[in-house]
Amino acid sequence: MDSPWKAVSDSSRRKILLLLKERDMTPTEISKHFQFSLPAVSIHLRILKNSDLILEQKV
């Protein structure tokens, strides 16, 4: 498990957490709120998941 403090030190990851607090979203939906690529969103999500701040659900 990675450190939750390190995970939330990045402002983009904090914004992702706020978005996910409102509702479940796919990586593609999340990427529409940012100026970076889908692979970058995936990296941020992996960091949040490894820090136990989010759960992954496959549909």
C-alpha atoms as a PDB file:
ATOM      1  CA  MET A   1       0.000   0.000   0.000  1.00  0.00           C
ATOM      2  CA  ASP A   2       1.251   3.446  -0.917  1.00  0.00           C
ATOM      3  CA  SER A   3       0.935   6.427   1.409  1.00  0.00           C
ATOM      4  CA  PRO A   4      -2.464   8.168   1.226  1.00  0.00           C
ATOM      5  CA  TRP A   5      -0.717  11.439   2.116  1.00  0.00           C
ATOM      6  CA  LYS A   6       1.522  11.190  -0.922  1.00  0.00           C
ATOM      7  CA  ALA A   7      -1.483  10.332  -3.088  1.00  0.00           C
ATOM      8  CA  VAL A   8      -3.444  13.430  -2.039  1.00  0.00           C
ATOM      9  CA  SER A   9      -0.433  15.728  -2.292  1.00  0.00           C
ATOM     10  CA  ASP A  10      -1.228  16.154  -5.992  1.00  0.00           C
ATOM     11  CA  SER A  11      -4.015  18.634  -6.794  1.00  0.00           C
ATOM     12  CA  SER A  12      -5.230  16.603  -9.789  1.00  0.00           C
ATOM     13  CA  ARG A  13      -5.715  13.530  -7.626  1.00  0.00           C
ATOM     14  CA  ARG A  14      -7.609  15.612  -5.067  1.00  0.00           C
ATOM     15  CA  LYS A  15      -9.899  16.830  -7.859  1.00  0.00           C
ATOM     16  CA  ILE A  16     -10.412  13.239  -9.037  1.00  0.00           C
ATOM     17  CA  LEU A  17     -11.412  12.264  -5.498  1.00  0.00           C
ATOM     18  CA  LEU A  18     -13.940  15.112  -5.413  1.00  0.00           C
ATOM     19  CA  LEU A  19     -15.404  13.993  -8.740  1.00  0.00           C
ATOM     20  CA  LEU A  20     -15.679  10.398  -7.549  1.00  0.00           C
ATOM     21  CA  LYS A  21     -17.293  11.547  -4.318  1.00  0.00           C
ATOM     22  CA  GLU A  22     -20.221  12.842  -6.390  1.00  0.00           C
ATOM     23  CA  ARG A  23     -20.684   9.661  -8.457  1.00  0.00           C
ATOM     24  CA  ASP A  24     -18.904   6.669  -9.958  1.00  0.00           C
ATOM     25  CA  MET A  25     -17.092   7.524 -13.178  1.00  0.00           C
ATOM     26  CA  THR A  26     -15.063   5.714 -15.794  1.00  0.00           C
ATOM     27  CA  PRO A  27     -11.509   6.843 -16.564  1.00  0.00           C
ATOM     28  CA  THR A  28     -12.782   8.303 -19.847  1.00  0.00           C
ATOM     29  CA  GLU A  29     -15.418  10.362 -18.014  1.00  0.00           C
ATOM     30  CA  ILE A  30     -12.799  11.591 -15.557  1.00  0.00           C
ATOM     31  CA  SER A  31     -10.405  12.565 -18.357  1.00  0.00           C
ATOM     32  CA  LYS A  32     -13.018  14.955 -19.789  1.00  0.00           C
ATOM     33  CA  HIS A  33     -12.573  17.135 -16.682  1.00  0.00           C
ATOM     34  CA  PHE A  34      -8.822  17.554 -17.236  1.00  0.00           C
ATOM     35  CA  GLN A  35      -6.366  18.750 -19.845  1.00  0.00           C
ATOM     36  CA  PHE A  36      -4.335  15.548 -19.760  1.00  0.00           C
ATOM     37  CA  SER A  37      -4.561  12.192 -21.498  1.00  0.00           C
ATOM     38  CA  LEU A  38      -6.424   9.041 -20.564  1.00  0.00           C
ATOM     39  CA  PRO A  39      -3.123   7.266 -19.730  1.00  0.00           C
ATOM     40  CA  ALA A  40      -2.316  10.088 -17.287  1.00  0.00           C
ATOM     41  CA  VAL A  41      -5.731   9.666 -15.639  1.00  0.00           C
ATOM     42  CA  SER A  42      -5.060   5.932 -15.361  1.00  0.00           C
ATOM     43  CA  ILE A  43      -1.777   6.606 -13.579  1.00  0.00           C
ATOM     44  CA  HIS A  44      -3.514   8.918 -11.094  1.00  0.00           C
ATOM     45  CA  LEU A  45      -6.247   6.319 -10.516  1.00  0.00           C
ATOM     46  CA  ARG A  46      -3.672   3.587  -9.935  1.00  0.00           C
ATOM     47  CA  ILE A  47      -1.930   5.738  -7.312  1.00  0.00           C
ATOM     48  CA  LEU A  48      -5.255   6.428  -5.567  1.00  0.00           C
ATOM     49  CA  LYS A  49      -6.176   2.730  -5.701  1.00  0.00           C
ATOM     50  CA  ASN A  50      -2.785   1.617  -4.351  1.00  0.00           C
ATOM     51  CA  SER A  51      -3.273   4.065  -1.480  1.00  0.00           C
ATOM     52  CA  ASP A  52      -6.674   2.500  -0.686  1.00  0.00           C
ATOM     53  CA  LEU A  53      -8.445   5.792  -1.378  1.00  0.00           C
ATOM     54  CA  ILE A  54     -10.638   4.412  -4.174  1.00  0.00           C
ATOM     55  CA  LEU A  55     -11.977   1.034  -5.217  1.00  0.00           C
ATOM     56  CA  GLU A  56     -12.009  -0.301  -8.746  1.00  0.00           C
ATOM     57  CA  GLN A  57     -15.220  -1.781 -10.106  1.00  0.00           C
ATOM     58  CA  LYS A  58     -15.247  -3.551 -13.438  1.00  0.00           C
ATOM     59  CA  VAL A  59     -18.494  -3.496 -15.360  1.00  0.00           C
END
